N, C-alpha and C. Protein backbone atom coordinates (compact mmCIF):
# COMPACT_ATOMS: atom_id res chain seq x y z
N MET A 1 -52.53 -24.37 30.96
CA MET A 1 -53.64 -25.02 31.60
C MET A 1 -53.73 -24.57 33.05
N ILE A 2 -52.72 -24.47 33.78
CA ILE A 2 -52.70 -23.97 35.16
C ILE A 2 -53.18 -22.62 35.29
N ILE A 3 -52.66 -21.69 34.46
CA ILE A 3 -53.09 -20.29 34.44
C ILE A 3 -54.62 -20.23 34.18
N LYS A 4 -55.03 -20.96 33.19
CA LYS A 4 -56.44 -20.99 32.80
C LYS A 4 -57.30 -21.33 34.01
N ALA A 5 -56.87 -22.44 34.76
CA ALA A 5 -57.51 -23.00 35.90
C ALA A 5 -57.65 -21.74 37.04
N PHE A 6 -56.55 -21.14 37.20
CA PHE A 6 -56.40 -20.15 38.27
C PHE A 6 -57.29 -18.88 37.89
N ARG A 7 -57.24 -18.55 36.58
CA ARG A 7 -58.22 -17.49 36.12
C ARG A 7 -59.64 -17.83 36.38
N PHE A 8 -59.97 -19.13 36.12
CA PHE A 8 -61.30 -19.51 36.44
C PHE A 8 -61.70 -19.46 37.92
N LEU A 9 -60.72 -19.87 38.77
CA LEU A 9 -60.91 -19.69 40.24
C LEU A 9 -61.17 -18.37 40.66
N ASN A 10 -60.41 -17.43 40.11
CA ASN A 10 -60.55 -15.99 40.37
C ASN A 10 -62.03 -15.51 39.91
N LYS A 11 -62.34 -15.87 38.70
CA LYS A 11 -63.73 -15.65 38.22
C LYS A 11 -64.80 -16.18 39.13
N LEU A 12 -64.59 -17.40 39.47
CA LEU A 12 -65.61 -17.97 40.56
C LEU A 12 -65.69 -17.14 41.81
N ARG A 13 -64.44 -16.76 42.30
CA ARG A 13 -64.55 -15.86 43.57
C ARG A 13 -65.22 -14.61 43.32
N LYS A 14 -65.07 -13.85 42.18
CA LYS A 14 -65.78 -12.69 41.91
C LYS A 14 -67.21 -12.78 41.69
N CYS A 15 -67.66 -14.04 41.41
CA CYS A 15 -69.10 -14.32 41.25
C CYS A 15 -69.72 -14.86 42.61
N GLY A 16 -68.84 -14.91 43.60
CA GLY A 16 -69.38 -15.26 44.93
C GLY A 16 -69.22 -16.80 45.24
N TYR A 17 -68.42 -17.54 44.45
CA TYR A 17 -68.37 -18.98 44.71
C TYR A 17 -67.05 -19.27 45.28
N ASP A 18 -66.77 -18.78 46.51
CA ASP A 18 -65.43 -19.05 47.10
C ASP A 18 -65.17 -20.48 47.50
N GLY A 19 -66.17 -21.25 47.68
CA GLY A 19 -65.95 -22.50 48.29
C GLY A 19 -65.90 -23.64 47.14
N ILE A 20 -65.80 -23.15 45.88
CA ILE A 20 -65.74 -24.20 44.75
C ILE A 20 -64.22 -24.37 44.53
N ASP A 21 -63.90 -25.74 44.29
CA ASP A 21 -62.50 -26.20 44.00
C ASP A 21 -62.31 -26.45 42.47
N VAL A 22 -61.11 -26.25 42.02
CA VAL A 22 -60.78 -26.64 40.61
C VAL A 22 -59.80 -27.60 40.67
N ALA A 23 -59.89 -28.68 39.98
CA ALA A 23 -58.97 -29.74 39.84
C ALA A 23 -58.17 -29.64 38.63
N ILE A 24 -56.87 -29.84 38.68
CA ILE A 24 -55.93 -29.65 37.64
C ILE A 24 -55.10 -30.92 37.41
N ASN A 25 -55.21 -31.43 36.30
CA ASN A 25 -54.27 -32.73 36.01
C ASN A 25 -52.92 -32.28 35.72
N ILE A 26 -52.11 -33.02 36.42
CA ILE A 26 -50.62 -32.71 36.39
C ILE A 26 -49.89 -33.98 35.93
N SER A 27 -49.03 -33.90 34.99
CA SER A 27 -48.29 -35.11 34.46
C SER A 27 -46.97 -35.51 35.31
N VAL A 28 -46.60 -36.59 35.22
CA VAL A 28 -45.50 -37.13 35.87
C VAL A 28 -44.18 -36.16 35.46
N ILE A 29 -44.05 -35.76 34.20
CA ILE A 29 -43.03 -34.89 33.71
C ILE A 29 -42.99 -33.57 34.51
N GLN A 30 -44.32 -32.95 34.76
CA GLN A 30 -44.36 -31.84 35.52
C GLN A 30 -43.91 -32.05 36.87
N LEU A 31 -44.44 -33.05 37.52
CA LEU A 31 -44.13 -33.42 38.96
C LEU A 31 -42.65 -33.66 39.23
N LEU A 32 -41.91 -34.21 38.20
CA LEU A 32 -40.49 -34.47 38.37
C LEU A 32 -39.62 -33.30 38.03
N ASN A 33 -40.28 -32.18 37.52
CA ASN A 33 -39.38 -31.08 37.19
C ASN A 33 -39.10 -30.37 38.54
N PRO A 34 -37.71 -30.22 38.76
CA PRO A 34 -37.33 -29.62 40.08
C PRO A 34 -38.04 -28.17 40.38
N ASP A 35 -38.45 -27.48 39.37
CA ASP A 35 -38.94 -26.07 39.53
C ASP A 35 -40.45 -26.14 39.55
N PHE A 36 -41.00 -27.22 39.46
CA PHE A 36 -42.48 -27.24 39.42
C PHE A 36 -43.11 -26.55 40.58
N THR A 37 -42.84 -27.03 41.84
CA THR A 37 -43.52 -26.45 42.97
C THR A 37 -43.22 -24.95 43.25
N SER A 38 -42.08 -24.51 43.01
CA SER A 38 -41.63 -23.07 43.20
C SER A 38 -42.48 -22.25 42.12
N ARG A 39 -42.51 -22.79 40.88
CA ARG A 39 -43.26 -21.95 39.84
C ARG A 39 -44.78 -21.98 40.10
N LEU A 40 -45.30 -23.10 40.64
CA LEU A 40 -46.64 -23.06 41.04
C LEU A 40 -47.00 -22.31 42.17
N PHE A 41 -46.20 -22.28 43.08
CA PHE A 41 -46.48 -21.36 44.29
C PHE A 41 -46.30 -19.86 43.92
N GLU A 42 -45.42 -19.60 42.98
CA GLU A 42 -45.24 -18.25 42.40
C GLU A 42 -46.57 -17.77 41.70
N LEU A 43 -47.08 -18.74 40.94
CA LEU A 43 -48.29 -18.41 40.13
C LEU A 43 -49.54 -18.14 41.17
N ILE A 44 -49.57 -18.99 42.20
CA ILE A 44 -50.64 -18.89 43.26
C ILE A 44 -50.56 -17.52 43.81
N GLU A 45 -49.33 -17.05 44.23
CA GLU A 45 -49.18 -15.85 44.88
C GLU A 45 -49.46 -14.68 43.88
N ASP A 46 -48.98 -14.73 42.67
CA ASP A 46 -49.08 -13.65 41.69
C ASP A 46 -50.58 -13.51 41.30
N MET A 47 -51.32 -14.61 41.23
CA MET A 47 -52.77 -14.56 40.70
C MET A 47 -53.66 -14.59 41.88
N GLN A 48 -53.07 -14.52 43.21
CA GLN A 48 -53.83 -14.50 44.35
C GLN A 48 -54.98 -15.50 44.44
N VAL A 49 -54.61 -16.67 44.25
CA VAL A 49 -55.55 -17.82 44.24
C VAL A 49 -55.46 -18.48 45.66
N ASN A 50 -56.48 -18.90 46.24
CA ASN A 50 -56.53 -19.67 47.47
C ASN A 50 -56.07 -21.08 47.18
N PRO A 51 -54.90 -21.57 47.73
CA PRO A 51 -54.39 -22.90 47.58
C PRO A 51 -55.45 -24.05 47.92
N LYS A 52 -56.32 -23.60 48.94
CA LYS A 52 -57.28 -24.53 49.37
C LYS A 52 -58.38 -24.81 48.41
N ASN A 53 -58.44 -24.06 47.36
CA ASN A 53 -59.39 -24.33 46.28
C ASN A 53 -58.83 -25.06 45.09
N ILE A 54 -57.57 -25.57 45.27
CA ILE A 54 -56.75 -26.15 44.29
C ILE A 54 -56.75 -27.72 44.55
N ILE A 55 -57.08 -28.53 43.62
CA ILE A 55 -56.89 -30.00 43.76
C ILE A 55 -55.95 -30.32 42.49
N ILE A 56 -54.81 -30.90 42.96
CA ILE A 56 -53.94 -31.54 41.98
C ILE A 56 -54.29 -32.99 41.69
N GLU A 57 -54.50 -33.29 40.44
CA GLU A 57 -54.95 -34.67 40.15
C GLU A 57 -53.77 -35.32 39.36
N ILE A 58 -53.35 -36.51 39.88
CA ILE A 58 -52.30 -37.23 39.20
C ILE A 58 -52.69 -38.57 39.03
N THR A 59 -52.24 -39.22 37.89
CA THR A 59 -52.74 -40.69 37.69
C THR A 59 -51.88 -41.58 38.53
N GLU A 60 -52.45 -42.61 39.02
CA GLU A 60 -51.65 -43.54 39.89
C GLU A 60 -50.46 -44.14 39.18
N SER A 61 -50.39 -44.17 37.82
CA SER A 61 -49.26 -44.71 37.11
C SER A 61 -48.04 -43.82 37.44
N VAL A 62 -48.27 -42.67 37.90
CA VAL A 62 -47.18 -41.70 38.17
C VAL A 62 -46.27 -42.35 39.24
N PHE A 63 -46.84 -43.18 40.12
CA PHE A 63 -45.98 -43.68 41.21
C PHE A 63 -45.13 -44.98 40.64
N ALA A 64 -45.18 -45.30 39.49
CA ALA A 64 -44.26 -46.27 38.98
C ALA A 64 -42.94 -45.54 38.64
N SER A 65 -42.97 -44.25 38.70
CA SER A 65 -41.74 -43.46 38.40
C SER A 65 -40.93 -43.25 39.69
N ASP A 66 -40.41 -42.12 39.91
CA ASP A 66 -39.50 -41.98 41.06
C ASP A 66 -40.54 -41.67 42.29
N TYR A 67 -40.92 -42.76 42.90
CA TYR A 67 -41.92 -42.61 44.00
C TYR A 67 -41.53 -41.67 45.10
N ASP A 68 -40.34 -41.90 45.51
CA ASP A 68 -39.94 -41.04 46.73
C ASP A 68 -40.01 -39.57 46.41
N SER A 69 -39.39 -39.16 45.20
CA SER A 69 -39.28 -37.82 44.75
C SER A 69 -40.77 -37.24 44.62
N ILE A 70 -41.61 -38.04 43.95
CA ILE A 70 -42.97 -37.59 43.72
C ILE A 70 -43.75 -37.47 45.04
N ASN A 71 -43.58 -38.34 46.02
CA ASN A 71 -44.15 -38.16 47.25
C ASN A 71 -43.70 -37.06 48.09
N LYS A 72 -42.47 -36.66 47.89
CA LYS A 72 -41.89 -35.45 48.45
C LYS A 72 -42.44 -34.22 48.01
N THR A 73 -42.65 -34.24 46.60
CA THR A 73 -43.32 -33.13 45.96
C THR A 73 -44.79 -32.90 46.42
N ILE A 74 -45.47 -34.05 46.48
CA ILE A 74 -46.81 -34.06 46.86
C ILE A 74 -46.85 -33.47 48.38
N GLY A 75 -45.96 -33.87 49.30
CA GLY A 75 -45.88 -33.29 50.63
C GLY A 75 -45.73 -31.76 50.58
N LYS A 76 -44.95 -31.26 49.70
CA LYS A 76 -44.84 -29.84 49.67
C LYS A 76 -46.14 -29.02 49.29
N LEU A 77 -46.73 -29.71 48.26
CA LEU A 77 -47.96 -29.14 47.76
C LEU A 77 -48.97 -29.21 48.88
N ARG A 78 -49.12 -30.33 49.56
CA ARG A 78 -50.18 -30.31 50.71
C ARG A 78 -49.87 -29.50 51.83
N ASP A 79 -48.43 -29.28 52.08
CA ASP A 79 -48.16 -28.39 53.24
C ASP A 79 -48.59 -26.94 52.84
N ALA A 80 -48.68 -26.59 51.62
CA ALA A 80 -49.06 -25.24 51.16
C ALA A 80 -50.59 -25.13 51.09
N GLY A 81 -51.37 -26.23 51.43
CA GLY A 81 -52.76 -26.11 51.36
C GLY A 81 -53.43 -26.74 50.16
N LEU A 82 -52.76 -27.13 49.20
CA LEU A 82 -53.40 -27.79 47.98
C LEU A 82 -53.81 -29.15 48.47
N ARG A 83 -54.78 -29.71 47.74
CA ARG A 83 -55.13 -31.11 47.95
C ARG A 83 -54.75 -32.00 46.78
N ILE A 84 -54.58 -33.21 47.00
CA ILE A 84 -54.09 -34.19 45.92
C ILE A 84 -55.00 -35.27 45.78
N ALA A 85 -55.33 -35.58 44.54
CA ALA A 85 -56.12 -36.68 44.16
C ALA A 85 -55.46 -37.67 43.26
N ILE A 86 -55.62 -38.96 43.55
CA ILE A 86 -55.14 -39.92 42.64
C ILE A 86 -56.23 -40.21 41.57
N ASP A 87 -56.02 -39.91 40.36
CA ASP A 87 -57.00 -40.02 39.19
C ASP A 87 -56.93 -41.50 38.73
N ASP A 88 -58.14 -41.94 38.25
CA ASP A 88 -58.22 -43.31 37.63
C ASP A 88 -57.71 -44.42 38.43
N PHE A 89 -58.06 -44.36 39.66
CA PHE A 89 -57.54 -45.35 40.62
C PHE A 89 -58.08 -46.75 40.26
N GLY A 90 -57.13 -47.69 40.35
CA GLY A 90 -57.48 -49.07 40.02
C GLY A 90 -57.09 -49.49 38.63
N THR A 91 -56.47 -48.64 37.86
CA THR A 91 -56.23 -48.97 36.45
C THR A 91 -54.64 -49.06 36.27
N GLY A 92 -53.87 -48.63 37.28
CA GLY A 92 -52.45 -48.48 36.93
C GLY A 92 -51.61 -49.43 37.79
N TYR A 93 -50.60 -48.84 38.50
CA TYR A 93 -49.66 -49.68 39.21
C TYR A 93 -49.73 -49.64 40.73
N SER A 94 -50.97 -49.59 41.14
CA SER A 94 -51.17 -49.57 42.56
C SER A 94 -50.82 -50.82 43.31
N SER A 95 -50.44 -50.67 44.55
CA SER A 95 -50.28 -51.83 45.40
C SER A 95 -50.85 -51.34 46.79
N LEU A 96 -51.22 -52.20 47.62
CA LEU A 96 -51.77 -51.72 48.91
C LEU A 96 -50.66 -51.12 49.68
N ALA A 97 -49.47 -51.65 49.60
CA ALA A 97 -48.34 -51.09 50.35
C ALA A 97 -48.09 -49.64 49.99
N ARG A 98 -48.13 -49.41 48.60
CA ARG A 98 -47.83 -47.97 48.22
C ARG A 98 -48.99 -47.09 48.53
N GLU A 99 -50.19 -47.56 48.38
CA GLU A 99 -51.33 -46.75 48.75
C GLU A 99 -51.35 -46.34 50.20
N ASN A 100 -50.88 -47.14 50.99
CA ASN A 100 -50.79 -46.83 52.32
C ASN A 100 -49.84 -45.72 52.69
N GLU A 101 -48.76 -45.55 51.77
CA GLU A 101 -47.68 -44.56 51.95
C GLU A 101 -47.91 -43.29 51.24
N LEU A 102 -48.93 -43.31 50.37
CA LEU A 102 -49.24 -42.05 49.65
C LEU A 102 -49.69 -40.86 50.59
N THR A 103 -49.18 -39.64 50.33
CA THR A 103 -49.64 -38.54 51.05
C THR A 103 -50.69 -37.86 50.19
N VAL A 104 -51.81 -38.39 49.90
CA VAL A 104 -52.81 -37.85 49.03
C VAL A 104 -54.11 -37.61 49.93
N ASP A 105 -55.05 -36.86 49.39
CA ASP A 105 -56.25 -36.62 50.07
C ASP A 105 -57.43 -37.33 49.53
N CYS A 106 -57.53 -37.71 48.22
CA CYS A 106 -58.60 -38.35 47.72
C CYS A 106 -58.15 -39.34 46.63
N ILE A 107 -59.11 -40.36 46.41
CA ILE A 107 -58.89 -41.39 45.51
C ILE A 107 -59.98 -41.35 44.49
N LYS A 108 -59.79 -41.05 43.18
CA LYS A 108 -60.87 -41.13 42.26
C LYS A 108 -61.01 -42.47 41.61
N ILE A 109 -62.10 -43.07 41.80
CA ILE A 109 -62.28 -44.41 41.32
C ILE A 109 -62.58 -44.38 39.83
N ASP A 110 -61.79 -45.15 39.10
CA ASP A 110 -61.89 -45.15 37.64
C ASP A 110 -63.36 -45.51 37.13
N LYS A 111 -63.69 -45.01 36.08
CA LYS A 111 -65.04 -45.15 35.54
C LYS A 111 -65.25 -46.66 35.15
N ARG A 112 -64.36 -47.39 34.88
CA ARG A 112 -64.56 -48.79 34.63
C ARG A 112 -65.18 -49.56 35.67
N PHE A 113 -64.84 -49.17 36.97
CA PHE A 113 -65.42 -49.78 38.17
C PHE A 113 -66.83 -49.33 38.33
N ILE A 114 -67.11 -48.17 37.98
CA ILE A 114 -68.50 -47.55 38.04
C ILE A 114 -69.41 -48.09 37.06
N ASP A 115 -68.84 -48.28 35.80
CA ASP A 115 -69.68 -48.95 34.70
C ASP A 115 -70.10 -50.31 35.06
N LYS A 116 -69.22 -51.01 35.71
CA LYS A 116 -69.52 -52.41 36.10
C LYS A 116 -70.80 -52.46 37.08
N LEU A 117 -71.20 -51.41 37.76
CA LEU A 117 -72.25 -51.46 38.65
C LEU A 117 -73.51 -51.54 37.94
N ILE A 118 -73.53 -51.36 36.61
CA ILE A 118 -74.76 -51.39 35.87
C ILE A 118 -75.24 -52.81 35.74
N ASP A 119 -74.29 -53.70 35.20
CA ASP A 119 -74.63 -54.99 34.85
C ASP A 119 -74.21 -56.05 35.95
N ALA A 120 -73.39 -55.76 36.84
CA ALA A 120 -72.85 -56.72 37.74
C ALA A 120 -73.79 -56.92 39.00
N ASP A 121 -73.83 -58.00 39.70
CA ASP A 121 -74.51 -58.11 40.94
C ASP A 121 -73.85 -57.21 41.90
N PRO A 122 -74.51 -56.27 42.41
CA PRO A 122 -73.94 -55.25 43.39
C PRO A 122 -73.35 -55.84 44.57
N ASN A 123 -73.74 -57.21 44.87
CA ASN A 123 -72.96 -57.76 45.98
C ASN A 123 -71.60 -58.32 45.68
N LEU A 124 -71.27 -58.36 44.41
CA LEU A 124 -70.06 -58.96 43.98
C LEU A 124 -69.13 -57.79 43.48
N ALA A 125 -69.64 -56.64 43.39
CA ALA A 125 -68.86 -55.52 42.87
C ALA A 125 -67.75 -55.17 43.85
N ILE A 126 -66.56 -54.91 43.42
CA ILE A 126 -65.45 -54.52 44.35
C ILE A 126 -65.39 -53.02 44.64
N THR A 127 -66.27 -52.27 44.00
CA THR A 127 -66.31 -50.85 44.16
C THR A 127 -66.41 -50.41 45.75
N SER A 128 -67.31 -51.17 46.27
CA SER A 128 -67.43 -50.84 47.76
C SER A 128 -66.26 -51.13 48.53
N ASP A 129 -65.51 -52.17 48.12
CA ASP A 129 -64.19 -52.46 48.80
C ASP A 129 -63.11 -51.35 48.61
N ILE A 130 -63.04 -50.72 47.39
CA ILE A 130 -62.25 -49.67 46.98
C ILE A 130 -62.70 -48.50 47.98
N ILE A 131 -63.86 -48.15 48.07
CA ILE A 131 -64.35 -47.01 48.91
C ILE A 131 -63.90 -47.25 50.37
N SER A 132 -64.12 -48.46 50.78
CA SER A 132 -63.71 -48.87 52.25
C SER A 132 -62.24 -48.69 52.41
N MET A 133 -61.42 -49.28 51.56
CA MET A 133 -60.09 -49.22 51.69
C MET A 133 -59.59 -47.79 51.73
N SER A 134 -60.13 -47.02 50.75
CA SER A 134 -59.69 -45.47 50.67
C SER A 134 -60.03 -44.87 52.05
N HIS A 135 -61.25 -45.01 52.51
CA HIS A 135 -61.59 -44.41 53.72
C HIS A 135 -60.71 -44.86 55.01
N LYS A 136 -60.37 -46.22 55.00
CA LYS A 136 -59.43 -46.65 56.04
C LYS A 136 -57.99 -46.13 55.90
N LEU A 137 -57.63 -45.64 54.71
CA LEU A 137 -56.41 -45.00 54.58
C LEU A 137 -56.40 -43.51 54.85
N GLY A 138 -57.68 -43.03 55.10
CA GLY A 138 -57.81 -41.59 55.41
C GLY A 138 -58.03 -40.75 54.19
N HIS A 139 -58.52 -41.25 53.03
CA HIS A 139 -58.70 -40.61 51.74
C HIS A 139 -60.13 -40.40 51.59
N CYS A 140 -60.50 -39.43 50.91
CA CYS A 140 -61.95 -39.27 50.48
C CYS A 140 -62.03 -39.95 49.16
N THR A 141 -63.25 -40.38 48.65
CA THR A 141 -63.45 -41.06 47.50
C THR A 141 -64.23 -40.27 46.57
N ILE A 142 -63.92 -40.28 45.32
CA ILE A 142 -64.77 -39.64 44.24
C ILE A 142 -64.91 -40.69 43.17
N ALA A 143 -66.20 -40.97 42.69
CA ALA A 143 -66.52 -41.84 41.64
C ALA A 143 -66.56 -41.10 40.32
N GLU A 144 -65.90 -41.54 39.51
CA GLU A 144 -65.77 -40.94 38.00
C GLU A 144 -66.84 -41.71 37.13
N GLY A 145 -67.44 -40.86 36.31
CA GLY A 145 -68.30 -41.42 35.15
C GLY A 145 -69.63 -41.86 35.68
N VAL A 146 -70.27 -41.33 36.64
CA VAL A 146 -71.59 -41.71 37.22
C VAL A 146 -72.60 -41.23 36.29
N GLU A 147 -73.32 -42.16 35.58
CA GLU A 147 -74.33 -41.81 34.54
C GLU A 147 -75.68 -42.34 34.90
N HIS A 148 -75.87 -43.22 35.88
CA HIS A 148 -77.12 -43.73 36.03
C HIS A 148 -77.45 -43.69 37.51
N GLU A 149 -78.78 -43.53 37.81
CA GLU A 149 -79.28 -43.32 39.20
C GLU A 149 -78.97 -44.63 39.96
N SER A 150 -78.90 -45.85 39.35
CA SER A 150 -78.53 -47.08 40.08
C SER A 150 -77.16 -46.98 40.59
N GLN A 151 -76.29 -46.33 39.83
CA GLN A 151 -74.86 -46.32 40.23
C GLN A 151 -74.86 -45.25 41.47
N LEU A 152 -75.58 -44.21 41.31
CA LEU A 152 -75.62 -43.24 42.38
C LEU A 152 -76.09 -43.87 43.76
N GLN A 153 -77.20 -44.66 43.60
CA GLN A 153 -77.55 -45.33 44.84
C GLN A 153 -76.71 -46.24 45.37
N TYR A 154 -76.01 -47.03 44.70
CA TYR A 154 -74.92 -47.92 45.21
C TYR A 154 -73.87 -47.17 45.89
N LEU A 155 -73.44 -46.07 45.18
CA LEU A 155 -72.26 -45.30 45.83
C LEU A 155 -72.73 -44.63 47.12
N LYS A 156 -73.98 -44.17 47.20
CA LYS A 156 -74.53 -43.51 48.43
C LYS A 156 -74.58 -44.60 49.51
N LYS A 157 -75.03 -45.88 49.18
CA LYS A 157 -75.09 -46.90 50.18
C LYS A 157 -73.73 -47.31 50.70
N HIS A 158 -72.64 -47.19 49.91
CA HIS A 158 -71.47 -47.55 50.37
C HIS A 158 -70.43 -46.28 50.70
N ALA A 159 -71.18 -45.24 50.99
CA ALA A 159 -70.52 -43.97 51.54
C ALA A 159 -69.42 -43.34 50.69
N CYS A 160 -69.67 -43.39 49.36
CA CYS A 160 -68.66 -42.70 48.50
C CYS A 160 -68.91 -41.17 48.81
N ASP A 161 -67.89 -40.40 48.91
CA ASP A 161 -67.93 -38.99 49.29
C ASP A 161 -68.50 -38.11 48.20
N LYS A 162 -67.86 -38.26 46.93
CA LYS A 162 -68.39 -37.35 45.86
C LYS A 162 -68.51 -38.14 44.69
N ILE A 163 -69.23 -37.55 43.67
CA ILE A 163 -69.41 -38.18 42.32
C ILE A 163 -69.12 -37.13 41.26
N GLN A 164 -68.74 -37.65 40.04
CA GLN A 164 -68.79 -36.76 38.85
C GLN A 164 -69.23 -37.64 37.65
N GLY A 165 -69.82 -36.91 36.71
CA GLY A 165 -70.27 -37.65 35.49
C GLY A 165 -71.50 -37.12 35.07
N TYR A 166 -72.04 -37.61 33.93
CA TYR A 166 -73.12 -37.12 33.19
C TYR A 166 -74.45 -37.12 33.98
N LEU A 167 -74.58 -37.89 35.09
CA LEU A 167 -75.81 -37.82 35.88
C LEU A 167 -75.78 -36.38 36.56
N VAL A 168 -74.67 -35.86 36.88
CA VAL A 168 -74.64 -34.44 37.44
C VAL A 168 -74.65 -33.34 36.20
N SER A 169 -73.77 -33.57 35.33
CA SER A 169 -73.60 -32.63 34.20
C SER A 169 -72.65 -33.19 33.20
N LYS A 170 -72.79 -32.89 31.96
CA LYS A 170 -71.81 -33.14 30.99
C LYS A 170 -70.65 -32.17 31.18
N PRO A 171 -69.43 -32.32 30.65
CA PRO A 171 -68.42 -31.39 30.82
C PRO A 171 -68.84 -30.03 30.29
N LEU A 172 -68.43 -28.98 30.95
CA LEU A 172 -68.78 -27.65 30.76
C LEU A 172 -67.64 -26.73 30.60
N ASP A 173 -67.81 -25.76 29.59
CA ASP A 173 -66.85 -24.64 29.59
C ASP A 173 -67.13 -23.75 30.71
N GLU A 174 -66.24 -22.61 30.81
CA GLU A 174 -66.37 -21.66 31.87
C GLU A 174 -67.74 -21.03 31.81
N LYS A 175 -68.27 -20.49 30.75
CA LYS A 175 -69.52 -19.87 30.69
C LYS A 175 -70.66 -20.77 31.17
N GLU A 176 -70.73 -22.00 30.56
CA GLU A 176 -71.65 -23.04 30.94
C GLU A 176 -71.64 -23.29 32.43
N ALA A 177 -70.36 -23.44 33.01
CA ALA A 177 -70.25 -23.79 34.43
C ALA A 177 -70.79 -22.78 35.26
N LEU A 178 -70.58 -21.51 35.09
CA LEU A 178 -71.15 -20.36 35.75
C LEU A 178 -72.73 -20.37 35.62
N GLU A 179 -73.18 -20.67 34.44
CA GLU A 179 -74.67 -20.78 34.27
C GLU A 179 -75.20 -21.88 35.05
N PHE A 180 -74.50 -22.99 35.11
CA PHE A 180 -75.00 -24.17 36.00
C PHE A 180 -75.05 -23.84 37.39
N LEU A 181 -73.94 -23.14 37.90
CA LEU A 181 -73.85 -22.81 39.21
C LEU A 181 -75.06 -21.88 39.64
N GLU A 182 -75.33 -20.91 38.66
CA GLU A 182 -76.41 -19.98 39.00
C GLU A 182 -77.78 -20.69 39.15
N ARG A 183 -78.02 -21.57 38.27
CA ARG A 183 -79.24 -22.47 38.24
C ARG A 183 -79.28 -23.26 39.53
N HIS A 184 -78.28 -23.81 40.02
CA HIS A 184 -78.26 -24.85 41.08
C HIS A 184 -77.81 -24.31 42.40
N HIS A 185 -77.58 -23.01 42.57
CA HIS A 185 -76.96 -22.36 43.75
C HIS A 185 -77.81 -22.54 44.98
N ALA A 186 -79.01 -22.58 44.86
CA ALA A 186 -80.08 -22.52 45.93
C ALA A 186 -79.84 -23.84 46.61
């Protein structure tokens, strides 16, 4: 999976899309492997990938494991220029104390919170509180599963940094992603 993502980054660069990032989901097993960072850095060097274009996504449930060891690994990754995102935020083992100690760059708000924006009274939705908390902790926010214009408007109103979901595009393979970029590059 990592090699495929790096190949795609190189393809993006060859097509003139140097500023596009690729997110890679990493499991707790990978993060806890003592050789993980050295092998990842080796691949980055061998494949000549810019680490600033790599986002490592980990689920917040990872932090129920060996928190200190994982945070140390995350620190090494960030020191090398990679960015770290907590995926599916709000569904796992988070606590405000732990969130404050995380050395991550972004919080990805789980789709369940975004789905609730359709039926719930927007004034009662806690999604804005998650965005605010994330910003106060110095993290950017990404909303997962945005499918409706009303969700987008709510997220814009509450300063969510980025969105992903069917409102932007369905999941795309490499060829479709490059075609999408060509159509929307202007």
